[in-house]
């Protein structure tokens, strides 16, 4: 199985402006990888 995911380096505000994170990525990479892993395992079962 091959899995690809994009981790945003920012987000759009309601006004349509790009908002960059203060540092690193918009979301904690470790938390996203744990969440994605759970979702993949549920989909495989």
C-alpha atoms as a PDB file:
ATOM      1  CA  UNK A   1       0.000   0.000   0.000  1.00  0.00           C
ATOM      2  CA  UNK A   2       1.185   3.511  -0.775  1.00  0.00           C
ATOM      3  CA  UNK A   3      -0.132   6.550   1.106  1.00  0.00           C
ATOM      4  CA  UNK A   4       0.435  10.194   0.233  1.00  0.00           C
ATOM      5  CA  UNK A   5      -0.632  13.163   2.338  1.00  0.00           C
ATOM      6  CA  UNK A   6      -0.154  16.907   2.208  1.00  0.00           C
ATOM      7  CA  UNK A   7       0.645  18.805   5.376  1.00  0.00           C
ATOM      8  CA  UNK A   8      -0.288  22.427   4.942  1.00  0.00           C
ATOM      9  CA  UNK A   9       2.291  25.068   5.687  1.00  0.00           C
ATOM     10  CA  UNK A  10      -0.551  27.506   6.350  1.00  0.00           C
ATOM     11  CA  UNK A  11      -4.254  28.080   5.740  1.00  0.00           C
ATOM     12  CA  UNK A  12      -6.685  30.505   4.147  1.00  0.00           C
ATOM     13  CA  UNK A  13      -8.496  32.951   6.402  1.00  0.00           C
ATOM     14  CA  UNK A  14     -12.237  33.576   5.896  1.00  0.00           C
ATOM     15  CA  UNK A  15     -11.156  36.703   3.974  1.00  0.00           C
ATOM     16  CA  UNK A  16      -9.134  34.553   1.560  1.00  0.00           C
ATOM     17  CA  UNK A  17      -5.718  35.633   2.805  1.00  0.00           C
ATOM     18  CA  UNK A  18      -2.912  33.109   3.350  1.00  0.00           C
ATOM     19  CA  UNK A  19      -1.948  32.665   7.013  1.00  0.00           C
ATOM     20  CA  UNK A  20       1.451  31.094   7.645  1.00  0.00           C
ATOM     21  CA  UNK A  21       2.123  29.234  10.893  1.00  0.00           C
ATOM     22  CA  UNK A  22       4.404  30.855  13.447  1.00  0.00           C
ATOM     23  CA  UNK A  23       6.892  28.018  12.937  1.00  0.00           C
ATOM     24  CA  UNK A  24       7.031  24.640  11.246  1.00  0.00           C
ATOM     25  CA  UNK A  25       3.722  23.361   9.944  1.00  0.00           C
ATOM     26  CA  UNK A  26       0.154  24.471  10.623  1.00  0.00           C
ATOM     27  CA  UNK A  27      -0.586  21.255  12.573  1.00  0.00           C
ATOM     28  CA  UNK A  28       1.772  19.184  14.754  1.00  0.00           C
ATOM     29  CA  UNK A  29       3.287  16.541  12.458  1.00  0.00           C
ATOM     30  CA  UNK A  30       3.335  13.851  15.177  1.00  0.00           C
ATOM     31  CA  UNK A  31      -0.389  14.304  15.915  1.00  0.00           C
ATOM     32  CA  UNK A  32      -1.289  14.218  12.213  1.00  0.00           C
ATOM     33  CA  UNK A  33       0.750  11.074  11.605  1.00  0.00           C
ATOM     34  CA  UNK A  34      -0.984   9.314  14.518  1.00  0.00           C
ATOM     35  CA  UNK A  35      -4.415  10.378  13.259  1.00  0.00           C
ATOM     36  CA  UNK A  36      -3.649   9.376   9.667  1.00  0.00           C
ATOM     37  CA  UNK A  37      -2.298   6.013  10.821  1.00  0.00           C
ATOM     38  CA  UNK A  38      -5.525   5.287  12.734  1.00  0.00           C
ATOM     39  CA  UNK A  39      -7.655   6.214   9.731  1.00  0.00           C
ATOM     40  CA  UNK A  40      -5.625   4.003   7.410  1.00  0.00           C
ATOM     41  CA  UNK A  41      -5.905   1.040   9.775  1.00  0.00           C
ATOM     42  CA  UNK A  42      -9.688   1.505  10.054  1.00  0.00           C
ATOM     43  CA  UNK A  43      -9.955   1.614   6.274  1.00  0.00           C
ATOM     44  CA  UNK A  44      -7.922  -1.588   5.879  1.00  0.00           C
ATOM     45  CA  UNK A  45      -9.996  -3.586   8.388  1.00  0.00           C
END
